[in-house]
Amino acid sequence: MCTEYTDLNKACPRDSYPLLSINRFVNEAADHNILSFLDAYSRYNQIQMHPRDIEKTAFMTDYNNFYYEVMSFSLKNAGAIYQRLMDYMFKGMLGRNFEVYVNNIVVKSDSCQQRIKDLQEVFQAIRDHGMRLNLNKCAFGLKEESFWVCSLTVA
């Protein structure tokens, strides 16, 4: 089903929260020996709508009226809100052992021991915030040369 929020999106001011440059995302990850790629499952749908905004997402069907309790991808600022959430969730890790671009997450490590510590830190943040990963799109322990193949799916 597709809901159309043209009027709602026109009424909302643009959130200009910056996305990480995809070039920086690739360049920052390419200099590490071991990479792990994580994919956030249904990215926007993991964000709860603010209670006062739920009614703004109402839509009708032949049988009933409904509304979204989670963010819909068709809302104007969904991308900026999601990126802000990722930056908040992983504050302190970003740039050090971790990069995130929308729902694509790369954990950067230089040794097997460090990879375990890095993944534990990332998984703890994911658990703390109730985030879910799409395990079918996750890859662990790739060497740098494998990055270039995987990075094509990031963009």
Protein backbone atom coordinates (compact mmCIF):
# COMPACT_ATOMS: atom_id res chain seq x y z
CA MET A 1 0.00 0.00 0.00
CA CYS A 2 1.19 3.51 -0.73
CA THR A 3 0.10 6.58 1.21
CA GLU A 4 0.45 10.02 -0.28
CA TYR A 5 1.56 12.87 1.98
CA THR A 6 2.01 15.70 -0.53
CA ASP A 7 -0.02 18.21 1.49
CA LEU A 8 1.55 17.20 4.82
CA ASN A 9 5.04 17.41 3.32
CA LYS A 10 4.30 20.88 1.91
CA ALA A 11 3.26 22.05 5.39
CA CYS A 12 6.44 20.76 7.06
CA PRO A 13 9.63 22.84 7.04
CA ARG A 14 12.64 21.08 5.51
CA ASP A 15 15.01 19.50 8.02
CA SER A 16 18.45 20.15 6.55
CA TYR A 17 20.34 17.76 8.83
CA PRO A 18 23.44 16.75 6.84
CA LEU A 19 24.06 13.24 5.55
CA LEU A 20 27.59 11.89 5.58
CA SER A 21 29.20 12.23 2.17
CA ILE A 22 29.16 8.83 0.46
CA ASN A 23 32.73 9.50 -0.70
CA ARG A 24 33.86 10.04 2.90
CA PHE A 25 31.98 6.92 3.95
CA VAL A 26 33.89 4.83 1.39
CA ASN A 27 37.27 6.52 1.96
CA GLU A 28 37.11 6.25 5.77
CA ALA A 29 36.34 2.54 5.61
CA ALA A 30 38.85 1.65 2.91
CA ASP A 31 41.91 2.22 5.13
CA HIS A 32 41.10 -0.59 7.60
CA ASN A 33 42.09 -4.25 7.44
CA ILE A 34 38.82 -5.87 8.55
CA LEU A 35 35.36 -4.55 7.75
CA SER A 36 31.92 -5.64 8.88
CA PHE A 37 28.80 -4.38 7.11
CA LEU A 38 25.49 -4.09 8.92
CA ASP A 39 22.13 -3.16 7.45
CA ALA A 40 19.37 -1.62 9.55
CA TYR A 41 16.10 -3.46 8.95
CA SER A 42 13.28 -1.27 7.56
CA ARG A 43 15.20 1.82 8.61
CA TYR A 44 12.48 4.47 8.98
CA ASN A 45 9.96 2.00 10.34
CA GLN A 46 12.13 1.60 13.44
CA ILE A 47 11.44 5.19 14.49
CA GLN A 48 8.36 5.72 16.65
CA MET A 49 6.19 8.67 15.65
CA HIS A 50 5.76 11.35 18.28
CA PRO A 51 2.29 10.86 19.82
CA ARG A 52 1.08 14.32 18.75
CA ASP A 53 2.09 13.60 15.13
CA ILE A 54 0.46 10.19 14.74
CA GLU A 55 -2.92 11.60 13.72
CA LYS A 56 -1.24 13.57 10.91
CA THR A 57 -0.44 10.28 9.16
CA ALA A 58 -4.08 9.12 9.04
CA PHE A 59 -5.33 7.45 5.87
CA MET A 60 -8.56 5.74 4.82
CA THR A 61 -9.26 2.39 3.26
CA ASP A 62 -12.55 0.87 2.17
CA TYR A 63 -12.85 -0.79 5.56
CA ASN A 64 -11.42 1.57 8.16
CA ASN A 65 -9.21 4.55 9.00
CA PHE A 66 -5.60 3.95 10.00
CA TYR A 67 -2.48 5.89 10.95
CA TYR A 68 1.21 5.18 11.26
CA GLU A 69 2.75 4.69 14.68
CA VAL A 70 6.20 4.50 13.08
CA MET A 71 7.84 6.80 10.56
CA SER A 72 6.78 6.28 6.98
CA PHE A 73 9.44 6.53 4.26
CA SER A 74 7.22 8.95 2.33
CA LEU A 75 7.43 11.68 4.96
CA LYS A 76 9.54 14.65 3.91
CA ASN A 77 12.10 14.62 6.71
CA ALA A 78 12.35 10.86 7.28
CA GLY A 79 15.94 10.66 5.96
CA ALA A 80 17.22 13.55 8.07
CA ILE A 81 15.46 12.28 11.20
CA TYR A 82 16.87 8.80 10.67
CA GLN A 83 20.42 10.09 10.14
CA ARG A 84 20.13 12.25 13.28
CA LEU A 85 19.04 9.18 15.24
CA MET A 86 21.98 7.14 13.91
CA ASP A 87 24.41 9.92 14.82
CA TYR A 88 22.91 10.08 18.33
CA MET A 89 22.92 6.30 18.83
CA PHE A 90 26.52 5.88 17.77
CA LYS A 91 27.99 9.10 19.18
CA GLY A 92 31.61 8.53 20.16
CA MET A 93 32.02 5.64 17.73
CA LEU A 94 31.49 7.56 14.49
CA GLY A 95 34.74 8.18 12.70
CA ARG A 96 36.70 6.09 15.20
CA ASN A 97 35.66 2.51 14.49
CA PHE A 98 32.39 3.00 12.78
CA GLU A 99 30.65 4.86 9.93
CA VAL A 100 26.97 5.08 9.11
CA TYR A 101 25.29 6.23 5.93
CA VAL A 102 21.51 6.08 6.26
CA ASN A 103 20.87 2.38 6.94
CA ASN A 104 24.33 1.18 5.88
CA ILE A 105 26.72 0.65 8.76
CA VAL A 106 30.39 -0.29 8.47
CA VAL A 107 32.51 -1.33 11.45
CA LYS A 108 36.21 -0.68 10.76
CA SER A 109 38.86 -2.74 12.55
CA ASP A 110 42.55 -3.36 12.17
CA SER A 111 42.80 -6.74 13.93
CA CYS A 112 40.60 -9.70 14.84
CA GLN A 113 40.71 -8.83 18.55
CA GLN A 114 39.78 -5.23 17.81
CA ARG A 115 36.96 -6.38 15.51
CA ILE A 116 35.37 -8.33 18.36
CA LYS A 117 35.56 -5.30 20.67
CA ASP A 118 34.21 -2.98 17.96
CA LEU A 119 31.29 -5.27 17.14
CA GLN A 120 30.47 -5.68 20.84
CA GLU A 121 30.34 -1.89 21.20
CA VAL A 122 28.14 -1.48 18.12
CA PHE A 123 25.81 -4.35 19.06
CA GLN A 124 25.42 -2.92 22.57
CA ALA A 125 24.33 0.45 21.13
CA ILE A 126 21.93 -1.34 18.77
CA ARG A 127 20.48 -3.33 21.68
CA ASP A 128 20.25 -0.25 23.93
CA HIS A 129 18.12 1.54 21.33
CA GLY A 130 16.00 -1.43 20.27
CA MET A 131 17.22 -1.32 16.70
CA ARG A 132 16.94 -4.34 14.42
CA LEU A 133 19.34 -5.50 11.73
CA ASN A 134 18.61 -7.28 8.47
CA LEU A 135 20.88 -10.30 8.91
CA ASN A 136 20.50 -11.27 5.24
CA LYS A 137 22.36 -8.08 4.31
CA CYS A 138 25.08 -8.19 6.98
CA ALA A 139 28.65 -9.33 6.25
CA PHE A 140 31.36 -9.83 8.87
CA GLY A 141 35.16 -9.85 8.75
CA LEU A 142 35.70 -8.81 5.15
CA LYS A 143 39.20 -7.86 4.10
CA GLU A 144 39.86 -4.44 2.58
CA GLU A 145 39.90 -5.76 -0.99
CA SER A 146 36.34 -7.09 -0.54
CA PHE A 147 35.19 -3.60 0.39
CA TRP A 148 35.08 -2.34 -3.16
CA VAL A 149 32.60 -5.04 -4.17
CA CYS A 150 30.40 -4.40 -1.11
CA SER A 151 30.61 -0.62 -1.38
CA LEU A 152 28.79 -0.78 -4.68
CA THR A 153 25.65 -1.85 -2.80
CA VAL A 154 25.99 1.03 -0.31
CA ALA A 155 25.32 3.77 -2.85
